[in-house]
Amino acid sequence: MPKISDKGIAMPESPIRKLQPFADKAIKTGKQIYYLNIGQPDIKTPEKALKAVKESDIEILSYSPSQGFHSYLEKLIKYYRNNGIHIEESEIIVTTGGSEALAFAMGSITDFGDEVIIPEPFYANYNGFATAYGVTVRPVTSKLEDNFALPPLSEFEANITSKTKAILLCNPGNPTGYLYTKEEIEAIADLALKHDLYVIADEVYREFTYDGASHNSIMNVERLKNHAIMVDSVSKRFSMCGARIGCLVSKNTDVMKTAMKFAQARLSPPTLAQIASEAALDVDEKYFENVNAEYTQRRNTLVEGLKQIDGVNVAEPKGAFYCVAELPVENTEDFAQWLLEKFEHGGKTIMVAPASGFYSTPQTGLNQIRIAYVLEENSLKESIRLLELALKKYKA
């Protein structure tokens, strides 16, 4: 039998999705599952987006330009301008989700054997993209007791080698919900310039900031003009995960010319999804105010509830819709599987994401989970109750 590639063998499983077979079996036994493991919002997709697709008069579903439709690019430029980010059409490429934008960034700036520094825990698929492009992740560990704030710059510098090409940030963070301060972004900018590194910023949760805090985009650091690369997506912003539309943004002309080669190789981003995304940009600002108010309430409900459970520690997120909690168990991967296979109360159980899969450092985060507070408040309250009952039974 022909051999599978070493790269394919090394490709990590998703910590978010790999427990799905156990969930499928649990459902077949009649269990009701509260899904806290995946960032699929239950917020309704804007009606304007759905209506635009339903009412499109397309007779041939053809390719779009590799860069994306001109009309959508214009709308994006206006959207970013309204958010204080000034870019031109040549500085943006529409991608098939934020994932493809990350892949384009990796492909454009790294060679096999290069290294990227990432504060951990981080979005698990960063490991996958790095593996696919033969890149080594150099993690710098942030800590729950510090609310997952940016680690000291000395720890970043200790990981910089001749092969280091970039620092990758998720802001606000997945899985931590941490929102980087202006001072932290400026510090990363200084470090990148000192060592001539790129800064890739995954900013897909830009709208989701709480307690009066503001998002600080890497694109607004003027001195990083030739070093900054931004990744974005409509998936969370408009509750359109299935649209698979994102974008790559940079003022570095060489980066964008190179990324366009990758864009041309995959032909074009989805046509109907761009139509939906373009229409979504017309939603009233009230949409985001209402969504933020909803997520703020959910965050408060979740964090306050978790703090009441004996032995549970939780970091308080300032953005996105995730939090990382530390449980009084040795291995949350075993616990998460047990929840689906062995636990139920009133025919109900929960599904969580073991946090170890969000770390690159081995044997780290083994007693942590990531929770996505994408369920309505009553479901969150029931999930917290189930978690407390499960921990008591698991430890007994």
Protein backbone atom coordinates (compact mmCIF):
# COMPACT_ATOMS: atom_id res chain seq x y z
CA MET A 1 0.00 0.00 0.00
CA PRO A 2 1.37 3.49 -0.86
CA LYS A 3 2.62 5.49 2.14
CA ILE A 4 0.82 8.50 3.59
CA SER A 5 2.98 11.62 3.75
CA ASP A 6 4.85 12.44 6.95
CA LYS A 7 3.18 15.83 6.82
CA GLY A 8 -0.24 14.20 6.66
CA ILE A 9 0.58 11.94 9.59
CA ALA A 10 1.82 14.94 11.60
CA MET A 11 -1.34 16.95 10.85
CA PRO A 12 -3.08 17.43 14.21
CA GLU A 13 -6.69 16.48 14.81
CA SER A 14 -9.08 19.24 15.75
CA PRO A 15 -9.58 19.34 19.53
CA ILE A 16 -12.93 20.96 18.78
CA ARG A 17 -14.25 18.28 16.46
CA LYS A 18 -12.46 15.03 17.27
CA LEU A 19 -14.94 14.11 20.01
CA GLN A 20 -17.85 14.35 17.57
CA PRO A 21 -18.09 10.54 17.05
CA PHE A 22 -18.77 10.16 20.80
CA ALA A 23 -21.40 12.88 20.57
CA ASP A 24 -23.04 11.09 17.64
CA LYS A 25 -23.25 7.88 19.69
CA ALA A 26 -24.66 9.79 22.66
CA ILE A 27 -27.39 11.28 20.48
CA LYS A 28 -28.33 7.81 19.22
CA THR A 29 -28.90 6.74 22.84
CA GLY A 30 -31.33 9.63 23.25
CA LYS A 31 -29.13 12.11 25.14
CA GLN A 32 -29.61 15.83 24.67
CA ILE A 33 -26.27 17.59 24.28
CA TYR A 34 -25.49 21.22 25.05
CA TYR A 35 -22.68 22.09 22.65
CA LEU A 36 -20.14 24.33 24.37
CA ASN A 37 -17.24 23.07 22.26
CA ILE A 38 -17.59 24.96 19.00
CA GLY A 39 -17.87 28.64 18.12
CA GLN A 40 -21.08 28.35 16.10
CA PRO A 41 -23.24 31.30 17.19
CA ASP A 42 -26.98 30.82 17.62
CA ILE A 43 -27.50 34.48 16.69
CA LYS A 44 -29.63 34.77 13.57
CA THR A 45 -27.84 35.61 10.33
CA PRO A 46 -28.89 39.09 9.13
CA GLU A 47 -32.03 38.81 7.02
CA LYS A 48 -30.46 41.15 4.45
CA ALA A 49 -27.76 38.59 3.74
CA LEU A 50 -30.16 35.69 3.27
CA LYS A 51 -32.55 37.81 1.22
CA ALA A 52 -29.76 38.92 -1.14
CA VAL A 53 -29.03 35.31 -2.06
CA LYS A 54 -32.71 34.35 -2.38
CA GLU A 55 -33.42 37.32 -4.64
CA SER A 56 -30.29 37.16 -6.80
CA ASP A 57 -31.10 36.94 -10.51
CA ILE A 58 -28.00 34.92 -11.42
CA GLU A 59 -28.53 32.64 -14.42
CA ILE A 60 -24.98 31.26 -14.52
CA LEU A 61 -23.18 30.66 -11.25
CA SER A 62 -19.79 31.69 -12.56
CA TYR A 63 -16.37 32.33 -11.06
CA SER A 64 -15.78 35.61 -9.32
CA PRO A 65 -12.46 37.44 -9.79
CA SER A 66 -9.67 35.82 -7.76
CA GLN A 67 -9.43 38.95 -5.62
CA GLY A 68 -13.20 38.98 -5.03
CA PHE A 69 -16.04 41.00 -6.50
CA HIS A 70 -15.22 44.69 -6.95
CA SER A 71 -18.54 45.70 -5.36
CA TYR A 72 -17.79 43.62 -2.27
CA LEU A 73 -14.24 44.97 -2.03
CA GLU A 74 -15.62 48.51 -2.11
CA LYS A 75 -18.05 47.70 0.69
CA LEU A 76 -15.25 46.16 2.76
CA ILE A 77 -13.08 49.26 2.31
CA LYS A 78 -15.97 51.40 3.58
CA TYR A 79 -16.56 49.03 6.51
CA TYR A 80 -12.90 49.20 7.55
CA ARG A 81 -12.83 52.97 7.15
CA ASN A 82 -15.78 53.19 9.55
CA ASN A 83 -13.69 51.15 11.97
CA GLY A 84 -10.70 53.47 11.66
CA ILE A 85 -8.74 51.24 9.26
CA HIS A 86 -7.85 52.90 5.96
CA ILE A 87 -6.97 50.55 3.10
CA GLU A 88 -7.12 50.54 -0.68
CA GLU A 89 -8.54 47.87 -2.98
CA SER A 90 -5.07 46.59 -3.87
CA GLU A 91 -4.48 45.85 -0.18
CA ILE A 92 -7.25 43.30 0.26
CA ILE A 93 -8.03 39.82 -1.12
CA VAL A 94 -11.31 38.04 -0.45
CA THR A 95 -10.71 34.48 0.74
CA THR A 96 -12.65 31.31 1.42
CA GLY A 97 -13.00 31.97 5.13
CA GLY A 98 -10.42 33.36 7.52
CA SER A 99 -8.76 29.94 7.32
CA GLU A 100 -7.72 30.47 3.71
CA ALA A 101 -6.46 33.95 4.56
CA LEU A 102 -4.22 32.39 7.22
CA ALA A 103 -3.05 29.79 4.74
CA PHE A 104 -2.26 32.49 2.16
CA ALA A 105 -0.31 34.43 4.79
CA MET A 106 1.69 31.37 5.81
CA GLY A 107 2.37 30.46 2.19
CA SER A 108 3.43 33.98 1.27
CA ILE A 109 5.95 34.68 4.04
CA THR A 110 7.37 31.32 5.17
CA ASP A 111 9.51 28.56 3.70
CA PHE A 112 9.85 24.99 4.95
CA GLY A 113 11.73 25.03 8.24
CA ASP A 114 10.83 28.62 9.13
CA GLU A 115 9.32 29.50 12.50
CA VAL A 116 6.37 31.52 13.76
CA ILE A 117 5.96 32.67 17.36
CA ILE A 118 2.45 32.44 18.80
CA PRO A 119 1.19 33.22 22.32
CA GLU A 120 -0.56 30.09 23.60
CA PRO A 121 -3.20 28.89 24.09
CA PHE A 122 -4.14 29.72 20.51
CA TYR A 123 -6.70 28.77 17.88
CA ALA A 124 -5.96 25.10 17.33
CA ASN A 125 -5.90 25.28 13.55
CA TYR A 126 -2.79 27.47 13.67
CA ASN A 127 -0.95 24.23 14.40
CA GLY A 128 -2.58 22.69 11.34
CA PHE A 129 -1.66 25.54 9.01
CA ALA A 130 1.91 25.50 10.30
CA THR A 131 2.17 21.74 9.73
CA ALA A 132 0.74 22.05 6.22
CA TYR A 133 3.40 24.60 5.28
CA GLY A 134 6.30 22.92 7.08
CA VAL A 135 6.54 25.71 9.63
CA THR A 136 7.56 25.26 13.27
CA VAL A 137 5.43 26.95 15.93
CA ARG A 138 7.41 28.53 18.76
CA PRO A 139 4.86 28.97 21.56
CA VAL A 140 5.06 31.60 24.28
CA THR A 141 2.76 30.55 27.10
CA SER A 142 0.27 32.96 28.65
CA LYS A 143 -1.26 32.06 31.99
CA LEU A 144 -4.80 31.80 33.31
CA GLU A 145 -3.80 33.52 36.55
CA ASP A 146 -2.78 36.55 34.43
CA ASN A 147 -6.08 36.37 32.52
CA PHE A 148 -3.99 35.26 29.49
CA ALA A 149 -2.41 38.69 29.03
CA LEU A 150 0.54 39.05 26.66
CA PRO A 151 3.58 37.25 28.14
CA PRO A 152 6.75 39.30 28.79
CA LEU A 153 8.56 40.37 25.60
CA SER A 154 11.69 38.70 26.95
CA GLU A 155 9.97 35.36 26.42
CA PHE A 156 9.28 36.27 22.80
CA GLU A 157 12.87 37.36 22.25
CA ALA A 158 14.15 34.12 23.76
CA ASN A 159 12.33 32.26 20.97
CA ILE A 160 13.53 34.41 18.06
CA THR A 161 16.05 32.68 15.81
CA SER A 162 17.41 33.22 12.31
CA LYS A 163 14.42 31.21 11.06
CA THR A 164 11.73 33.30 12.77
CA LYS A 165 9.47 34.99 10.22
CA ALA A 166 6.45 36.23 12.14
CA ILE A 167 4.53 36.70 15.35
CA LEU A 168 0.91 35.55 15.10
CA LEU A 169 -1.78 37.04 17.36
CA CYS A 170 -5.51 36.43 17.67
CA ASN A 171 -7.19 39.60 18.90
CA PRO A 172 -9.62 39.24 20.62
CA GLY A 173 -8.36 35.78 21.40
CA ASN A 174 -9.70 32.36 20.61
CA PRO A 175 -9.76 30.37 22.92
CA THR A 176 -9.13 32.83 25.77
CA GLY A 177 -11.32 35.82 24.92
CA TYR A 178 -8.36 38.04 25.83
CA LEU A 179 -8.41 41.52 24.26
CA TYR A 180 -4.94 42.98 23.72
CA THR A 181 -4.41 46.49 25.00
CA LYS A 182 -3.01 49.29 22.86
CA GLU A 183 0.21 49.10 24.87
CA GLU A 184 0.55 45.38 24.16
CA ILE A 185 0.00 45.87 20.43
CA GLU A 186 2.57 48.68 20.41
CA ALA A 187 5.05 46.47 22.26
CA ILE A 188 4.64 43.67 19.70
CA ALA A 189 5.10 46.25 16.93
CA ASP A 190 8.37 47.45 18.46
CA LEU A 191 9.60 43.86 18.77
CA ALA A 192 8.67 43.04 15.17
CA LEU A 193 10.51 46.08 13.86
CA LYS A 194 13.54 45.39 16.02
CA HIS A 195 13.89 41.89 14.53
CA ASP A 196 12.34 42.63 11.11
CA LEU A 197 9.42 40.22 11.56
CA TYR A 198 5.90 40.13 10.18
CA VAL A 199 2.96 40.44 12.55
CA ILE A 200 -0.08 38.41 11.49
CA ALA A 201 -3.19 39.50 13.37
CA ASP A 202 -6.32 37.35 13.31
CA GLU A 203 -9.02 39.94 14.00
CA VAL A 204 -12.21 38.03 13.19
CA TYR A 205 -13.79 38.87 16.58
CA ARG A 206 -13.19 42.62 16.27
CA GLU A 207 -16.81 43.58 17.03
CA PHE A 208 -17.05 41.52 20.19
CA THR A 209 -15.52 43.64 22.97
CA TYR A 210 -16.98 44.18 26.42
CA ASP A 211 -16.96 46.46 29.45
CA GLY A 212 -16.30 49.54 27.33
CA ALA A 213 -12.99 48.18 26.02
CA SER A 214 -11.90 48.97 22.45
CA HIS A 215 -10.29 46.79 19.82
CA ASN A 216 -6.82 47.84 18.66
CA SER A 217 -6.07 46.72 15.12
CA ILE A 218 -2.56 45.93 13.98
CA MET A 219 -3.40 47.86 10.80
CA ASN A 220 -3.50 51.10 12.78
CA VAL A 221 0.15 50.92 13.77
CA GLU A 222 1.56 53.15 11.04
CA ARG A 223 5.19 52.13 11.50
CA LEU A 224 4.20 48.50 10.83
CA LYS A 225 2.99 49.34 7.32
CA ASN A 226 5.27 46.78 5.66
CA HIS A 227 5.15 44.24 8.48
CA ALA A 228 1.42 43.93 9.32
CA ILE A 229 -0.88 41.28 7.84
CA MET A 230 -4.51 41.13 8.96
CA VAL A 231 -6.82 38.12 8.70
CA ASP A 232 -10.57 38.64 8.90
CA SER A 233 -13.87 36.82 8.34
CA VAL A 234 -17.65 37.29 8.31
CA SER A 235 -18.20 33.94 10.07
CA LYS A 236 -18.62 35.23 13.60
CA ARG A 237 -19.32 38.89 12.85
CA PHE A 238 -22.60 38.14 11.06
CA SER A 239 -23.19 34.58 12.30
CA MET A 240 -22.38 33.30 8.81
CA CYS A 241 -19.93 30.46 9.52
CA GLY A 242 -21.20 28.46 6.55
CA ALA A 243 -20.60 31.29 4.08
CA ARG A 244 -16.84 30.69 4.22
CA ILE A 245 -15.89 34.26 3.34
CA GLY A 246 -12.90 36.04 4.82
CA CYS A 247 -10.14 38.32 3.63
CA LEU A 248 -6.42 38.99 3.82
CA VAL A 249 -5.28 42.59 4.26
CA SER A 250 -1.80 44.10 4.09
CA LYS A 251 -0.17 47.31 2.88
CA ASN A 252 2.95 45.33 1.94
CA THR A 253 2.77 45.13 -1.87
CA ASP A 254 5.09 42.11 -2.09
CA VAL A 255 2.92 40.16 0.37
CA MET A 256 -0.24 40.97 -1.57
CA LYS A 257 1.30 40.15 -4.96
CA THR A 258 2.45 36.81 -3.60
CA ALA A 259 -0.87 36.07 -1.90
CA MET A 260 -2.62 36.80 -5.20
CA LYS A 261 -0.74 33.88 -6.76
CA PHE A 262 -2.29 31.59 -4.16
CA ALA A 263 -5.69 33.24 -4.78
CA GLN A 264 -5.41 32.63 -8.51
CA ALA A 265 -4.36 29.02 -7.93
CA ARG A 266 -7.58 28.32 -6.02
CA LEU A 267 -9.48 30.27 -8.74
CA SER A 268 -12.04 32.30 -6.76
CA PRO A 269 -13.91 32.73 -3.48
CA PRO A 270 -17.58 31.55 -3.43
CA THR A 271 -19.90 33.71 -5.53
CA LEU A 272 -23.19 33.39 -3.63
CA ALA A 273 -21.46 33.78 -0.28
CA GLN A 274 -19.88 37.05 -1.42
CA ILE A 275 -23.33 38.31 -2.38
CA ALA A 276 -24.58 37.45 1.11
CA SER A 277 -21.53 39.01 2.76
CA GLU A 278 -21.83 42.22 0.77
CA ALA A 279 -25.47 42.58 1.82
CA ALA A 280 -24.59 41.85 5.45
CA LEU A 281 -22.36 44.93 5.51
CA ASP A 282 -25.49 47.05 5.19
CA VAL A 283 -26.86 46.00 8.58
CA ASP A 284 -27.58 48.79 11.03
CA GLU A 285 -25.10 49.46 13.84
CA LYS A 286 -27.92 48.47 16.19
CA TYR A 287 -27.28 44.88 15.10
CA PHE A 288 -23.85 44.86 16.71
CA GLU A 289 -25.09 46.72 19.79
CA ASN A 290 -27.74 44.06 20.34
CA VAL A 291 -25.35 41.17 19.68
CA ASN A 292 -22.74 42.63 22.03
CA ALA A 293 -25.32 43.14 24.75
CA GLU A 294 -26.41 39.51 24.35
CA TYR A 295 -22.85 38.16 24.53
CA THR A 296 -22.02 40.38 27.49
CA GLN A 297 -24.95 38.90 29.41
CA ARG A 298 -23.97 35.36 28.41
CA ARG A 299 -20.36 35.96 29.46
CA ASN A 300 -21.49 37.26 32.83
CA THR A 301 -23.82 34.31 33.35
CA LEU A 302 -21.13 31.80 32.40
CA VAL A 303 -18.22 33.31 34.35
CA GLU A 304 -20.28 33.95 37.48
CA GLY A 305 -21.70 30.42 37.29
CA LEU A 306 -18.31 28.78 36.83
CA LYS A 307 -16.86 30.68 39.79
CA GLN A 308 -19.51 29.10 42.01
CA ILE A 309 -18.33 25.56 41.19
CA ASP A 310 -15.88 24.17 43.72
CA GLY A 311 -12.37 23.78 42.29
CA VAL A 312 -13.05 25.64 39.04
CA ASN A 313 -10.96 28.66 38.03
CA VAL A 314 -11.84 30.81 35.04
CA ALA A 315 -10.28 33.72 33.19
CA GLU A 316 -12.66 36.58 32.45
CA PRO A 317 -12.81 37.32 28.71
CA LYS A 318 -12.94 40.89 27.45
CA GLY A 319 -13.76 39.93 23.86
CA ALA A 320 -14.84 37.19 21.44
CA PHE A 321 -17.19 34.58 22.95
CA TYR A 322 -14.88 32.04 24.54
CA CYS A 323 -13.37 31.44 27.93
CA VAL A 324 -10.84 28.99 29.30
CA ALA A 325 -11.65 27.29 32.60
CA GLU A 326 -9.45 25.15 34.80
CA LEU A 327 -11.20 22.08 36.23
CA PRO A 328 -10.34 19.92 39.27
CA VAL A 329 -9.50 16.94 37.02
CA GLU A 330 -6.18 15.63 35.75
CA ASN A 331 -7.10 15.24 32.09
CA THR A 332 -10.00 17.11 30.52
CA GLU A 333 -9.80 15.05 27.32
CA ASP A 334 -10.76 11.97 29.33
CA PHE A 335 -13.37 14.01 31.17
CA ALA A 336 -14.87 15.39 27.94
CA GLN A 337 -15.17 11.88 26.51
CA TRP A 338 -16.67 10.62 29.79
CA LEU A 339 -19.28 13.38 29.63
CA LEU A 340 -20.50 12.00 26.31
CA GLU A 341 -20.12 8.30 27.02
CA LYS A 342 -20.96 7.86 30.70
CA PHE A 343 -22.64 10.96 32.11
CA GLU A 344 -26.20 12.17 31.86
CA HIS A 345 -28.64 13.91 34.15
CA GLY A 346 -32.26 14.00 33.13
CA GLY A 347 -31.16 12.73 29.72
CA LYS A 348 -28.83 15.69 29.24
CA THR A 349 -25.08 16.20 29.02
CA ILE A 350 -22.59 18.78 27.71
CA MET A 351 -19.81 18.78 25.14
CA VAL A 352 -16.67 20.80 25.84
CA ALA A 353 -13.34 21.29 24.07
CA PRO A 354 -10.25 20.07 25.98
CA ALA A 355 -7.84 22.99 26.06
CA SER A 356 -4.64 20.98 25.64
CA GLY A 357 -5.30 21.03 21.91
CA PHE A 358 -4.99 24.81 21.96
CA TYR A 359 -1.41 24.60 23.23
CA SER A 360 1.70 23.70 21.28
CA THR A 361 3.80 22.98 24.37
CA PRO A 362 3.34 19.28 25.26
CA GLN A 363 1.52 18.38 28.50
CA THR A 364 0.14 21.91 28.88
CA GLY A 365 -3.47 22.82 29.59
CA LEU A 366 -4.36 19.23 30.49
CA ASN A 367 -6.78 20.35 33.21
CA GLN A 368 -8.38 23.14 31.16
CA ILE A 369 -11.33 23.37 28.80
CA ARG A 370 -12.49 25.98 26.32
CA ILE A 371 -16.14 26.96 26.52
CA ALA A 372 -17.91 28.84 23.74
CA TYR A 373 -20.81 30.85 25.19
CA VAL A 374 -22.82 30.70 21.99
CA LEU A 375 -25.98 29.29 23.61
CA GLU A 376 -28.86 31.35 24.94
CA GLU A 377 -28.82 32.17 28.64
CA ASN A 378 -31.12 29.44 29.97
CA SER A 379 -29.12 26.81 28.08
CA LEU A 380 -25.92 28.22 29.56
CA LYS A 381 -27.35 28.05 33.07
CA GLU A 382 -28.38 24.42 32.53
CA SER A 383 -24.92 23.64 31.10
CA ILE A 384 -23.25 25.08 34.20
CA ARG A 385 -25.52 22.99 36.41
CA LEU A 386 -24.68 19.86 34.41
CA LEU A 387 -20.95 20.61 34.62
CA GLU A 388 -21.14 20.94 38.42
CA LEU A 389 -23.06 17.68 38.74
CA ALA A 390 -20.68 15.92 36.37
CA LEU A 391 -17.57 17.02 38.27
CA LYS A 392 -19.01 15.74 41.55
CA LYS A 393 -19.81 12.38 39.97
CA TYR A 394 -16.50 12.16 38.08
CA LYS A 395 -14.45 12.75 41.22
CA ALA A 396 -16.55 10.41 43.40
